Amino acid sequence: MKATGIVRRIDDLGRVVIPKEIRRTMRIREGDPLEIYTESDGEVIFKKYSPMGELSEFTTQYAEVLYRATNMPVIITDRDHVISCVGVSKKDTLDRRVTSSLEQIMENRSSYIATSDSQPFSAIEGLDRNAAIVYPIIGGGDVSGSVVLLFNESGTAPSQTDIKLAQVAASFLGKQTEE
């Protein structure tokens, strides 16, 4: 844990303000859920809550099946980080941050499908593979992450079946976050 040097007092309603610089750095937005942890030595830790993070074992299994069906590397994210990946190095990909472009797609609840004339789209920071298909995961009206299919080694454009499978995966995972 890293000390910031910032000290805040608790008000009479038990609230504490998280400084804007920390919220911006940690990508904490108004309305984001925070999970509270306590330590026996008196520490209180706030951690961004990710419903997708709780499903990481399940999402990995789903990503494996999707990878076998499409032959395209699959990445599943929460709103900020990669939580599952298949077809790319786990060591180099897991827990990487999503790019601001992918964040924007999720915020807009839109999708991205690469075409022959579209600009290359990088979904994950520091990953040298571009996205072919992106669908946000929406459950209970809230965006909780995304399903990203990357171009495979041959760089072939995604088929209509690949697109539909990614869309179904995002819808199914969205349903799982509701339960």
C-alpha atoms as a PDB file:
ATOM      1  CA  MET A   1       0.000   0.000   0.000  1.00  0.00           C
ATOM      2  CA  LYS A   2       1.301   3.467  -0.906  1.00  0.00           C
ATOM      3  CA  ALA A   3       0.818   6.551   1.291  1.00  0.00           C
ATOM      4  CA  THR A   4      -0.446   9.641  -0.537  1.00  0.00           C
ATOM      5  CA  GLY A   5       0.203  12.180   2.206  1.00  0.00           C
ATOM      6  CA  ILE A   6      -3.386  13.406   1.900  1.00  0.00           C
ATOM      7  CA  VAL A   7      -5.406  13.581   5.125  1.00  0.00           C
ATOM      8  CA  ARG A   8      -9.186  13.996   5.240  1.00  0.00           C
ATOM      9  CA  ARG A   9     -11.551  14.278   8.204  1.00  0.00           C
ATOM     10  CA  ILE A  10     -14.799  12.370   8.565  1.00  0.00           C
ATOM     11  CA  ASP A  11     -17.822  14.700   8.706  1.00  0.00           C
ATOM     12  CA  ASP A  12     -20.728  14.431  11.154  1.00  0.00           C
ATOM     13  CA  LEU A  13     -22.568  12.050   8.787  1.00  0.00           C
ATOM     14  CA  GLY A  14     -19.601   9.645   8.602  1.00  0.00           C
ATOM     15  CA  ARG A  15     -18.526  10.709   5.108  1.00  0.00           C
ATOM     16  CA  VAL A  16     -15.012  11.185   3.846  1.00  0.00           C
ATOM     17  CA  VAL A  17     -14.115  12.903   0.579  1.00  0.00           C
ATOM     18  CA  ILE A  18     -11.802  11.075  -1.789  1.00  0.00           C
ATOM     19  CA  PRO A  19      -9.706  13.787  -3.458  1.00  0.00           C
ATOM     20  CA  LYS A  20     -10.293  14.512  -7.134  1.00  0.00           C
ATOM     21  CA  GLU A  21      -6.698  13.641  -8.090  1.00  0.00           C
ATOM     22  CA  ILE A  22      -7.068  10.152  -6.595  1.00  0.00           C
ATOM     23  CA  ARG A  23     -10.508   9.636  -8.171  1.00  0.00           C
ATOM     24  CA  ARG A  24      -9.116  10.644 -11.566  1.00  0.00           C
ATOM     25  CA  THR A  25      -6.003   8.456 -11.256  1.00  0.00           C
ATOM     26  CA  MET A  26      -7.986   5.449 -10.034  1.00  0.00           C
ATOM     27  CA  ARG A  27     -10.822   6.106 -12.525  1.00  0.00           C
ATOM     28  CA  ILE A  28     -13.431   6.357  -9.793  1.00  0.00           C
ATOM     29  CA  ARG A  29     -16.525   8.094 -11.094  1.00  0.00           C
ATOM     30  CA  GLU A  30     -19.556   9.442  -9.295  1.00  0.00           C
ATOM     31  CA  GLY A  31     -21.853   6.549  -8.465  1.00  0.00           C
ATOM     32  CA  ASP A  32     -19.125   3.870  -8.705  1.00  0.00           C
ATOM     33  CA  PRO A  33     -19.482   1.230  -5.989  1.00  0.00           C
ATOM     34  CA  LEU A  34     -16.601   0.876  -3.528  1.00  0.00           C
ATOM     35  CA  GLU A  35     -16.005  -2.183  -1.381  1.00  0.00           C
ATOM     36  CA  ILE A  36     -14.774  -1.550   2.168  1.00  0.00           C
ATOM     37  CA  TYR A  37     -12.151  -3.760   3.792  1.00  0.00           C
ATOM     38  CA  THR A  38     -10.847  -3.519   7.338  1.00  0.00           C
ATOM     39  CA  GLU A  39      -7.637  -4.786   8.891  1.00  0.00           C
ATOM     40  CA  SER A  40      -7.128  -5.767  12.522  1.00  0.00           C
ATOM     41  CA  ASP A  41      -4.617  -2.933  12.956  1.00  0.00           C
ATOM     42  CA  GLY A  42      -7.296  -0.299  12.217  1.00  0.00           C
ATOM     43  CA  GLU A  43      -6.746   0.148   8.494  1.00  0.00           C
ATOM     44  CA  VAL A  44      -9.787   0.827   6.335  1.00  0.00           C
ATOM     45  CA  ILE A  45      -9.324   0.146   2.626  1.00  0.00           C
ATOM     46  CA  PHE A  46     -11.663   1.263  -0.141  1.00  0.00           C
ATOM     47  CA  LYS A  47     -11.475  -0.811  -3.294  1.00  0.00           C
ATOM     48  CA  LYS A  48     -13.427  -0.353  -6.508  1.00  0.00           C
ATOM     49  CA  TYR A  49     -16.092  -3.025  -6.598  1.00  0.00           C
ATOM     50  CA  SER A  50     -16.258  -5.046  -9.795  1.00  0.00           C
ATOM     51  CA  PRO A  51     -19.155  -7.461 -10.274  1.00  0.00           C
ATOM     52  CA  MET A  52     -17.212  -8.874 -13.239  1.00  0.00           C
ATOM     53  CA  GLY A  53     -14.219  -9.547 -10.976  1.00  0.00           C
ATOM     54  CA  GLU A  54     -16.360 -11.945  -8.959  1.00  0.00           C
ATOM     55  CA  LEU A  55     -17.086 -13.866 -12.168  1.00  0.00           C
ATOM     56  CA  SER A  56     -13.450 -14.146 -13.326  1.00  0.00           C
ATOM     57  CA  GLU A  57     -13.302 -17.959 -13.179  1.00  0.00           C
ATOM     58  CA  PHE A  58     -16.577 -18.191 -15.075  1.00  0.00           C
ATOM     59  CA  THR A  59     -15.532 -15.542 -17.630  1.00  0.00           C
ATOM     60  CA  THR A  60     -12.292 -17.421 -18.290  1.00  0.00           C
ATOM     61  CA  GLN A  61     -14.249 -20.560 -19.135  1.00  0.00           C
ATOM     62  CA  TYR A  62     -16.565 -18.575 -21.392  1.00  0.00           C
ATOM     63  CA  ALA A  63     -13.568 -16.921 -23.091  1.00  0.00           C
ATOM     64  CA  GLU A  64     -12.024 -20.355 -23.765  1.00  0.00           C
ATOM     65  CA  VAL A  65     -15.203 -21.573 -25.455  1.00  0.00           C
ATOM     66  CA  LEU A  66     -15.515 -18.344 -27.467  1.00  0.00           C
ATOM     67  CA  TYR A  67     -11.864 -18.613 -28.543  1.00  0.00           C
ATOM     68  CA  ARG A  68     -12.382 -22.175 -29.792  1.00  0.00           C
ATOM     69  CA  ALA A  69     -15.508 -21.147 -31.701  1.00  0.00           C
ATOM     70  CA  THR A  70     -14.037 -18.053 -33.375  1.00  0.00           C
ATOM     71  CA  ASN A  71     -10.277 -18.753 -33.462  1.00  0.00           C
ATOM     72  CA  MET A  72      -9.844 -15.140 -32.334  1.00  0.00           C
ATOM     73  CA  PRO A  73      -8.110 -14.131 -29.079  1.00  0.00           C
ATOM     74  CA  VAL A  74     -10.717 -13.174 -26.467  1.00  0.00           C
ATOM     75  CA  ILE A  75     -10.413 -10.605 -23.691  1.00  0.00           C
ATOM     76  CA  ILE A  76     -13.069  -9.915 -21.085  1.00  0.00           C
ATOM     77  CA  THR A  77     -12.773  -6.751 -19.027  1.00  0.00           C
ATOM     78  CA  ASP A  78     -14.498  -5.039 -16.168  1.00  0.00           C
ATOM     79  CA  ARG A  79     -14.808  -1.263 -16.553  1.00  0.00           C
ATOM     80  CA  ASP A  80     -11.105  -0.723 -15.910  1.00  0.00           C
ATOM     81  CA  HIS A  81      -8.996  -3.875 -16.319  1.00  0.00           C
ATOM     82  CA  VAL A  82      -8.655  -7.184 -18.118  1.00  0.00           C
ATOM     83  CA  ILE A  83     -10.134  -9.953 -15.954  1.00  0.00           C
ATOM     84  CA  SER A  84      -9.914 -12.897 -18.414  1.00  0.00           C
ATOM     85  CA  CYS A  85      -8.041 -13.642 -21.598  1.00  0.00           C
ATOM     86  CA  VAL A  86      -7.499 -16.579 -23.916  1.00  0.00           C
ATOM     87  CA  GLY A  87      -5.335 -16.682 -27.041  1.00  0.00           C
ATOM     88  CA  VAL A  88      -2.875 -14.067 -25.761  1.00  0.00           C
ATOM     89  CA  SER A  89      -0.274 -14.252 -22.999  1.00  0.00           C
ATOM     90  CA  LYS A  90      -2.031 -14.152 -19.622  1.00  0.00           C
ATOM     91  CA  LYS A  91       1.125 -12.812 -17.981  1.00  0.00           C
ATOM     92  CA  ASP A  92       1.250  -9.864 -20.393  1.00  0.00           C
ATOM     93  CA  THR A  93      -2.493  -9.184 -20.502  1.00  0.00           C
ATOM     94  CA  LEU A  94      -4.300  -9.900 -17.217  1.00  0.00           C
ATOM     95  CA  ASP A  95      -4.926  -6.831 -15.042  1.00  0.00           C
ATOM     96  CA  ARG A  96      -3.869  -4.395 -17.789  1.00  0.00           C
ATOM     97  CA  ARG A  97      -5.950  -1.251 -18.026  1.00  0.00           C
ATOM     98  CA  VAL A  98      -8.440  -0.647 -20.783  1.00  0.00           C
ATOM     99  CA  THR A  99      -7.739   2.267 -23.117  1.00  0.00           C
ATOM    100  CA  SER A 100      -9.766   5.454 -23.003  1.00  0.00           C
ATOM    101  CA  SER A 101     -11.211   4.467 -26.399  1.00  0.00           C
ATOM    102  CA  LEU A 102     -12.619   1.237 -24.958  1.00  0.00           C
ATOM    103  CA  GLU A 103     -13.848   3.144 -21.908  1.00  0.00           C
ATOM    104  CA  GLN A 104     -15.710   5.472 -24.285  1.00  0.00           C
ATOM    105  CA  ILE A 105     -17.365   2.569 -26.100  1.00  0.00           C
ATOM    106  CA  MET A 106     -18.543   1.164 -22.783  1.00  0.00           C
ATOM    107  CA  GLU A 107     -19.790   4.563 -21.566  1.00  0.00           C
ATOM    108  CA  ASN A 108     -21.720   5.090 -24.811  1.00  0.00           C
ATOM    109  CA  ARG A 109     -23.088   1.530 -24.678  1.00  0.00           C
ATOM    110  CA  SER A 110     -22.044   1.131 -28.273  1.00  0.00           C
ATOM    111  CA  SER A 111     -20.137  -1.609 -30.067  1.00  0.00           C
ATOM    112  CA  TYR A 112     -17.159  -1.689 -32.410  1.00  0.00           C
ATOM    113  CA  ILE A 113     -16.724  -3.963 -35.406  1.00  0.00           C
ATOM    114  CA  ALA A 114     -13.604  -3.566 -37.529  1.00  0.00           C
ATOM    115  CA  THR A 115     -14.033  -3.155 -41.256  1.00  0.00           C
ATOM    116  CA  SER A 116     -11.450  -3.061 -44.034  1.00  0.00           C
ATOM    117  CA  ASP A 117     -11.417   0.752 -43.971  1.00  0.00           C
ATOM    118  CA  SER A 118     -11.616   1.339 -40.182  1.00  0.00           C
ATOM    119  CA  GLN A 119      -8.741   2.745 -38.155  1.00  0.00           C
ATOM    120  CA  PRO A 120      -6.867   0.233 -35.951  1.00  0.00           C
ATOM    121  CA  PHE A 121      -8.468   0.142 -32.512  1.00  0.00           C
ATOM    122  CA  SER A 122      -6.387  -0.606 -29.431  1.00  0.00           C
ATOM    123  CA  ALA A 123      -8.578  -1.768 -26.542  1.00  0.00           C
ATOM    124  CA  ILE A 124      -5.942  -2.641 -23.931  1.00  0.00           C
ATOM    125  CA  GLU A 125      -3.036  -0.441 -22.858  1.00  0.00           C
ATOM    126  CA  GLY A 126       0.328  -1.821 -23.930  1.00  0.00           C
ATOM    127  CA  LEU A 127      -1.107  -4.692 -25.964  1.00  0.00           C
ATOM    128  CA  ASP A 128       0.131  -4.830 -29.552  1.00  0.00           C
ATOM    129  CA  ARG A 129      -2.997  -6.558 -30.919  1.00  0.00           C
ATOM    130  CA  ASN A 130      -5.932  -4.531 -32.228  1.00  0.00           C
ATOM    131  CA  ALA A 131      -9.575  -5.195 -31.491  1.00  0.00           C
ATOM    132  CA  ALA A 132     -11.767  -6.707 -34.185  1.00  0.00           C
ATOM    133  CA  ILE A 133     -15.019  -6.763 -32.189  1.00  0.00           C
ATOM    134  CA  VAL A 134     -16.084  -5.027 -28.959  1.00  0.00           C
ATOM    135  CA  TYR A 135     -19.390  -5.326 -27.119  1.00  0.00           C
ATOM    136  CA  PRO A 136     -20.139  -3.807 -23.715  1.00  0.00           C
ATOM    137  CA  ILE A 137     -21.444  -6.078 -20.952  1.00  0.00           C
ATOM    138  CA  ILE A 138     -24.641  -4.540 -19.620  1.00  0.00           C
ATOM    139  CA  GLY A 139     -26.547  -6.038 -16.707  1.00  0.00           C
ATOM    140  CA  GLY A 140     -29.320  -4.477 -14.677  1.00  0.00           C
ATOM    141  CA  GLY A 141     -28.969  -1.290 -16.704  1.00  0.00           C
ATOM    142  CA  ASP A 142     -25.321  -0.817 -15.709  1.00  0.00           C
ATOM    143  CA  VAL A 143     -22.213  -1.320 -17.834  1.00  0.00           C
ATOM    144  CA  SER A 144     -19.914  -3.705 -16.025  1.00  0.00           C
ATOM    145  CA  GLY A 145     -17.297  -4.498 -18.678  1.00  0.00           C
ATOM    146  CA  SER A 146     -16.738  -5.620 -22.233  1.00  0.00           C
ATOM    147  CA  VAL A 147     -16.102  -8.606 -24.474  1.00  0.00           C
ATOM    148  CA  VAL A 148     -13.244  -7.952 -26.901  1.00  0.00           C
ATOM    149  CA  LEU A 149     -12.225 -10.224 -29.763  1.00  0.00           C
ATOM    150  CA  LEU A 150      -8.802  -9.394 -31.167  1.00  0.00           C
ATOM    151  CA  PHE A 151      -7.581  -9.977 -34.691  1.00  0.00           C
ATOM    152  CA  ASN A 152      -5.950 -13.385 -35.002  1.00  0.00           C
ATOM    153  CA  GLU A 153      -2.470 -13.864 -36.477  1.00  0.00           C
ATOM    154  CA  SER A 154      -3.764 -13.866 -40.064  1.00  0.00           C
ATOM    155  CA  GLY A 155      -5.657 -10.601 -39.499  1.00  0.00           C
ATOM    156  CA  THR A 156      -8.803 -11.831 -41.215  1.00  0.00           C
ATOM    157  CA  ALA A 157     -11.899  -9.718 -40.766  1.00  0.00           C
ATOM    158  CA  PRO A 158     -14.509 -11.036 -38.339  1.00  0.00           C
ATOM    159  CA  SER A 159     -17.386 -13.025 -39.815  1.00  0.00           C
ATOM    160  CA  GLN A 160     -21.047 -12.406 -39.055  1.00  0.00           C
ATOM    161  CA  THR A 161     -20.942 -15.510 -36.842  1.00  0.00           C
ATOM    162  CA  ASP A 162     -17.980 -14.101 -34.869  1.00  0.00           C
ATOM    163  CA  ILE A 163     -19.857 -10.836 -34.376  1.00  0.00           C
ATOM    164  CA  LYS A 164     -23.008 -12.604 -33.224  1.00  0.00           C
ATOM    165  CA  LEU A 165     -21.057 -14.836 -30.824  1.00  0.00           C
ATOM    166  CA  ALA A 166     -19.382 -11.798 -29.213  1.00  0.00           C
ATOM    167  CA  GLN A 167     -22.762 -10.083 -28.890  1.00  0.00           C
ATOM    168  CA  VAL A 168     -24.302 -13.183 -27.270  1.00  0.00           C
ATOM    169  CA  ALA A 169     -21.322 -13.487 -24.903  1.00  0.00           C
ATOM    170  CA  ALA A 170     -21.742  -9.879 -23.748  1.00  0.00           C
ATOM    171  CA  SER A 171     -25.494 -10.341 -23.263  1.00  0.00           C
ATOM    172  CA  PHE A 172     -25.036 -13.597 -21.365  1.00  0.00           C
ATOM    173  CA  LEU A 173     -22.355 -12.161 -19.068  1.00  0.00           C
ATOM    174  CA  GLY A 174     -24.569  -9.137 -18.470  1.00  0.00           C
ATOM    175  CA  LYS A 175     -27.314 -11.485 -17.290  1.00  0.00           C
ATOM    176  CA  GLN A 176     -24.844 -13.159 -14.931  1.00  0.00           C
ATOM    177  CA  THR A 177     -24.012  -9.847 -13.238  1.00  0.00           C
ATOM    178  CA  GLU A 178     -27.698  -9.359 -12.432  1.00  0.00           C
ATOM    179  CA  GLU A 179     -27.844 -12.485 -10.287  1.00  0.00           C
END
